[in-house]
Amino acid sequence: MFFAKITRMRLSGILSYNGDIRRELYVNRCYSFLDRLTMYSRFCVFLIFIAFSCGLGCSSRDCSQLPKHFRTYSEAHSIISHTRFYYEDSVRTWKSSWIRRASYYSCDGKLGFFVLDTNGRTYIHSGVPIELWFAFVKARSYGSFYNRYLKGRYRLKGLHRLK
């Protein structure tokens, strides 16, 4: 649209300078070509957007499709990150020395998955009450809160231990 306006201004400058009828017809053809091009490019962008959003939406799971057990942490993390949840939240933990990011995913708004990313590992806890997530977000020390209220509790069930 912006390109079409600039081109029209340039072409109208030629018109006002020369005033030739043949050029006016040419300019009118250019206007209609630019209008069609602009409409076509908008339509293409719209189709690309729809295809991309459907691709993302179609590949994600619903909460009802979550498995009861996971084989590994990486499988659990992959499935959880590609599922649509009723409630999702995350916090960047810049004030923590070892926790890089924390996320919470809940299907029902009461209990959910607590995912903690550290310098080298990802910890996943299941069945964590949403009130505990809200308290974690407001905590003065994320590490202390995690060690006191989450560590060793709310374990992700059904994982095979890797040695």
Protein backbone atom coordinates (compact mmCIF):
# COMPACT_ATOMS: atom_id res chain seq x y z
CA MET A 1 0.00 0.00 0.00
CA PHE A 2 2.78 2.41 0.93
CA PHE A 3 4.71 1.53 -2.25
CA ALA A 4 1.58 2.10 -4.34
CA LYS A 5 1.05 5.57 -2.82
CA ILE A 6 4.67 6.61 -3.52
CA THR A 7 4.45 5.33 -7.09
CA ARG A 8 1.16 7.15 -7.63
CA MET A 9 2.71 10.37 -6.37
CA ARG A 10 5.66 9.97 -8.76
CA LEU A 11 3.38 9.11 -11.68
CA SER A 12 1.03 11.99 -10.94
CA GLY A 13 4.06 14.30 -10.94
CA ILE A 14 4.85 13.10 -14.47
CA LEU A 15 1.23 13.70 -15.44
CA SER A 16 1.11 17.22 -14.16
CA TYR A 17 4.41 18.01 -15.88
CA ASN A 18 3.60 16.53 -19.30
CA GLY A 19 -0.20 16.33 -19.42
CA ASP A 20 -0.13 13.86 -22.29
CA ILE A 21 -3.27 11.71 -22.77
CA ARG A 22 -1.29 8.56 -23.62
CA ARG A 23 0.68 8.88 -20.44
CA GLU A 24 -2.54 9.36 -18.48
CA LEU A 25 -3.90 6.06 -19.82
CA TYR A 26 -0.60 4.39 -18.94
CA VAL A 27 -0.72 5.83 -15.45
CA ASN A 28 -4.30 4.62 -14.94
CA ARG A 29 -3.23 1.13 -15.99
CA CYS A 30 -0.38 1.33 -13.45
CA TYR A 31 -2.84 2.37 -10.75
CA SER A 32 -5.06 -0.64 -11.37
CA PHE A 33 -2.02 -2.96 -11.54
CA LEU A 34 -0.70 -1.61 -8.23
CA ASP A 35 -4.14 -1.93 -6.62
CA ARG A 36 -4.42 -5.55 -7.80
CA LEU A 37 -0.86 -6.26 -6.64
CA THR A 38 -1.55 -4.79 -3.23
CA MET A 39 -4.78 -6.76 -2.90
CA TYR A 40 -3.03 -9.92 -4.09
CA SER A 41 -0.14 -9.47 -1.63
CA ARG A 42 -2.59 -8.92 1.24
CA PHE A 43 -4.43 -12.08 0.28
CA CYS A 44 -1.14 -14.04 0.16
CA VAL A 45 -0.11 -12.79 3.59
CA PHE A 46 -3.55 -13.74 4.92
CA LEU A 47 -3.25 -17.28 3.47
CA ILE A 48 0.25 -17.70 4.90
CA PHE A 49 -0.99 -16.55 8.31
CA ILE A 50 -3.92 -19.00 8.24
CA ALA A 51 -1.69 -21.87 7.12
CA PHE A 52 0.90 -21.09 9.80
CA SER A 53 -1.61 -20.72 12.62
CA CYS A 54 -3.42 -23.91 11.59
CA GLY A 55 -0.09 -25.71 11.46
CA LEU A 56 0.65 -24.65 15.01
CA GLY A 57 -2.86 -25.25 16.27
CA CYS A 58 -3.23 -28.62 14.58
CA SER A 59 0.04 -29.93 15.95
CA SER A 60 -0.77 -29.09 19.57
CA ARG A 61 -2.67 -31.45 21.84
CA ASP A 62 -5.64 -30.87 24.01
CA CYS A 63 -5.44 -31.45 27.78
CA SER A 64 -7.65 -34.52 27.44
CA GLN A 65 -4.94 -36.14 25.28
CA LEU A 66 -2.19 -35.94 27.91
CA PRO A 67 -0.81 -39.36 28.82
CA LYS A 68 -0.96 -40.57 32.42
CA HIS A 69 2.72 -41.56 32.39
CA PHE A 70 5.83 -40.37 30.58
CA ARG A 71 8.90 -42.46 29.71
CA THR A 72 11.49 -39.68 30.07
CA TYR A 73 11.76 -36.06 31.13
CA SER A 74 12.44 -35.02 27.55
CA GLU A 75 9.26 -36.75 26.37
CA ALA A 76 7.28 -35.10 29.18
CA HIS A 77 8.75 -31.68 28.40
CA SER A 78 8.01 -32.05 24.68
CA ILE A 79 4.42 -33.18 25.22
CA ILE A 80 3.71 -30.51 27.83
CA SER A 81 5.14 -27.73 25.68
CA HIS A 82 2.98 -28.80 22.70
CA THR A 83 -0.30 -29.01 24.61
CA ARG A 84 -2.99 -26.36 24.87
CA PHE A 85 -3.78 -25.66 28.52
CA TYR A 86 -6.54 -23.76 30.26
CA TYR A 87 -3.93 -21.74 32.18
CA GLU A 88 -0.30 -21.10 31.22
CA ASP A 89 2.17 -18.76 32.87
CA SER A 90 5.92 -18.34 33.02
CA VAL A 91 8.36 -16.11 34.81
CA ARG A 92 11.91 -15.13 33.96
CA THR A 93 13.91 -15.62 37.10
CA TRP A 94 16.66 -13.08 36.53
CA LYS A 95 17.22 -12.58 40.24
CA SER A 96 18.04 -16.27 40.82
CA SER A 97 21.58 -17.54 40.47
CA TRP A 98 20.62 -21.02 39.26
CA ILE A 99 16.98 -20.96 38.10
CA ARG A 100 16.69 -19.55 34.59
CA ARG A 101 12.96 -19.89 33.94
CA ALA A 102 9.87 -21.32 35.59
CA SER A 103 6.59 -22.19 33.87
CA TYR A 104 3.22 -23.43 35.02
CA TYR A 105 0.63 -25.30 32.92
CA SER A 106 -2.82 -26.25 34.18
CA CYS A 107 -5.74 -28.02 32.50
CA ASP A 108 -8.34 -27.15 35.12
CA GLY A 109 -6.95 -24.02 36.81
CA LYS A 110 -6.44 -25.91 40.10
CA LEU A 111 -3.56 -28.37 39.65
CA GLY A 112 -0.87 -28.35 37.00
CA PHE A 113 2.67 -28.94 35.82
CA PHE A 114 5.50 -26.87 37.27
CA VAL A 115 8.49 -26.77 34.87
CA LEU A 116 11.79 -25.39 36.15
CA ASP A 117 14.72 -24.69 33.81
CA THR A 118 18.13 -24.40 35.43
CA ASN A 119 21.64 -23.96 34.05
CA GLY A 120 21.74 -27.51 32.75
CA ARG A 121 18.56 -29.42 33.61
CA THR A 122 14.81 -29.21 33.43
CA TYR A 123 12.73 -30.33 36.40
CA ILE A 124 9.05 -31.15 35.96
CA HIS A 125 6.59 -31.46 38.84
CA SER A 126 2.98 -32.58 38.41
CA GLY A 127 -0.11 -32.00 40.52
CA VAL A 128 1.17 -28.64 41.80
CA PRO A 129 -1.62 -26.41 43.15
CA ILE A 130 -2.01 -23.10 41.36
CA GLU A 131 -1.77 -21.26 44.69
CA LEU A 132 1.77 -22.62 45.05
CA TRP A 133 2.63 -21.21 41.62
CA PHE A 134 1.32 -17.77 42.60
CA ALA A 135 3.37 -17.91 45.80
CA PHE A 136 6.47 -18.91 43.80
CA VAL A 137 6.04 -15.94 41.45
CA LYS A 138 5.86 -13.54 44.43
CA ALA A 139 8.72 -15.17 46.38
CA ARG A 140 11.75 -13.09 47.33
CA SER A 141 14.07 -16.01 46.57
CA TYR A 142 13.00 -18.48 43.89
CA GLY A 143 15.68 -21.00 44.87
CA SER A 144 14.77 -20.98 48.55
CA PHE A 145 11.08 -21.29 47.76
CA TYR A 146 11.72 -24.19 45.40
CA ASN A 147 13.91 -26.04 47.91
CA ARG A 148 11.43 -25.54 50.73
CA TYR A 149 8.08 -26.21 49.03
CA LEU A 150 8.67 -28.10 45.76
CA LYS A 151 11.89 -30.10 45.84
CA GLY A 152 11.16 -33.78 46.41
CA ARG A 153 7.39 -33.19 46.25
CA TYR A 154 4.92 -33.29 43.39
CA ARG A 155 7.14 -35.64 41.41
CA LEU A 156 6.30 -36.47 37.85
CA LYS A 157 4.96 -40.00 38.06
CA GLY A 158 5.72 -42.94 35.79
CA LEU A 159 9.25 -42.00 34.77
CA HIS A 160 11.83 -44.69 34.25
CA ARG A 161 15.02 -43.76 36.05
CA LEU A 162 17.96 -43.33 33.67
CA LYS A 163 21.33 -44.37 35.06
